[in-house]
Amino acid sequence: MGKSIQREIESYRAYEGESLNSILTRILKDDPDIGSEDISGIVRGLADIEAGRVTSHEDVMKEFGLE
């Protein structure tokens, strides 16, 4: 996750130490267009990011010869 996006999400913290997953889940539950499957997918994606299971935009561009 980009640092600017992370800072934006963290600005919605309800209390000190609230996790990113908790913040996003709380925000997204207030959006009637987002269902529980969407939220689960986002939470899984965040877990992948936190575990380092990501590929940078730059690496993807290099892989496909688009740099």
Protein backbone atom coordinates (compact mmCIF):
# COMPACT_ATOMS: atom_id res chain seq x y z
CA MET A 1 0.00 0.00 0.00
CA GLY A 2 1.35 3.40 -0.87
CA LYS A 3 2.38 5.53 2.09
CA SER A 4 0.01 8.36 1.09
CA ILE A 5 -2.95 5.96 0.91
CA GLN A 6 -2.00 4.45 4.25
CA ARG A 7 -1.79 7.92 5.85
CA GLU A 8 -5.20 8.81 4.39
CA ILE A 9 -6.76 5.64 5.83
CA GLU A 10 -5.06 6.17 9.19
CA SER A 11 -6.62 9.65 9.40
CA TYR A 12 -9.94 7.84 10.03
CA ARG A 13 -8.69 6.07 13.18
CA ALA A 14 -11.35 6.03 15.88
CA TYR A 15 -8.76 5.32 18.61
CA GLU A 16 -4.99 5.05 18.99
CA GLY A 17 -3.69 1.73 17.71
CA GLU A 18 -6.77 0.83 15.63
CA SER A 19 -5.62 -1.51 12.85
CA LEU A 20 -5.95 -0.65 9.17
CA ASN A 21 -8.28 -3.63 8.76
CA SER A 22 -10.55 -2.31 11.50
CA ILE A 23 -10.58 1.21 10.04
CA LEU A 24 -11.46 0.00 6.56
CA THR A 25 -14.07 -2.44 7.76
CA ARG A 26 -15.77 0.29 9.78
CA ILE A 27 -15.69 2.78 6.90
CA LEU A 28 -16.87 0.30 4.30
CA LYS A 29 -19.75 -1.01 6.39
CA ASP A 30 -21.24 2.49 6.16
CA ASP A 31 -21.28 2.31 2.34
CA PRO A 32 -24.50 0.66 1.10
CA ASP A 33 -22.90 -0.22 -2.26
CA ILE A 34 -20.21 -2.39 -0.67
CA GLY A 35 -21.15 -5.90 0.40
CA SER A 36 -19.57 -8.32 2.84
CA GLU A 37 -17.74 -10.13 0.02
CA ASP A 38 -16.15 -6.84 -1.03
CA ILE A 39 -15.05 -6.14 2.53
CA SER A 40 -13.64 -9.67 2.89
CA GLY A 41 -11.65 -9.22 -0.31
CA ILE A 42 -10.23 -5.92 0.87
CA VAL A 43 -9.28 -7.39 4.24
CA ARG A 44 -7.57 -10.34 2.49
CA GLY A 45 -5.72 -7.90 0.26
CA LEU A 46 -4.54 -5.90 3.27
CA ALA A 47 -3.33 -9.10 4.92
CA ASP A 48 -1.35 -9.89 1.76
CA ILE A 49 0.20 -6.42 1.84
CA GLU A 50 1.10 -6.69 5.51
CA ALA A 51 2.66 -10.14 4.90
CA GLY A 52 4.69 -8.81 1.98
CA ARG A 53 2.84 -10.84 -0.66
CA VAL A 54 2.86 -7.98 -3.17
CA THR A 55 4.60 -6.95 -6.36
CA SER A 56 5.46 -3.31 -6.94
CA HIS A 57 4.06 -1.40 -9.89
CA GLU A 58 7.61 -0.92 -11.15
CA ASP A 59 8.33 -4.67 -11.05
CA VAL A 60 5.15 -5.47 -12.97
CA MET A 61 6.03 -2.87 -15.60
CA LYS A 62 9.51 -4.41 -15.98
CA GLU A 63 8.09 -7.93 -16.19
CA PHE A 64 5.85 -6.97 -19.10
CA GLY A 65 8.43 -4.72 -20.77
CA LEU A 66 6.36 -1.58 -20.23
CA GLU A 67 8.90 0.65 -18.54
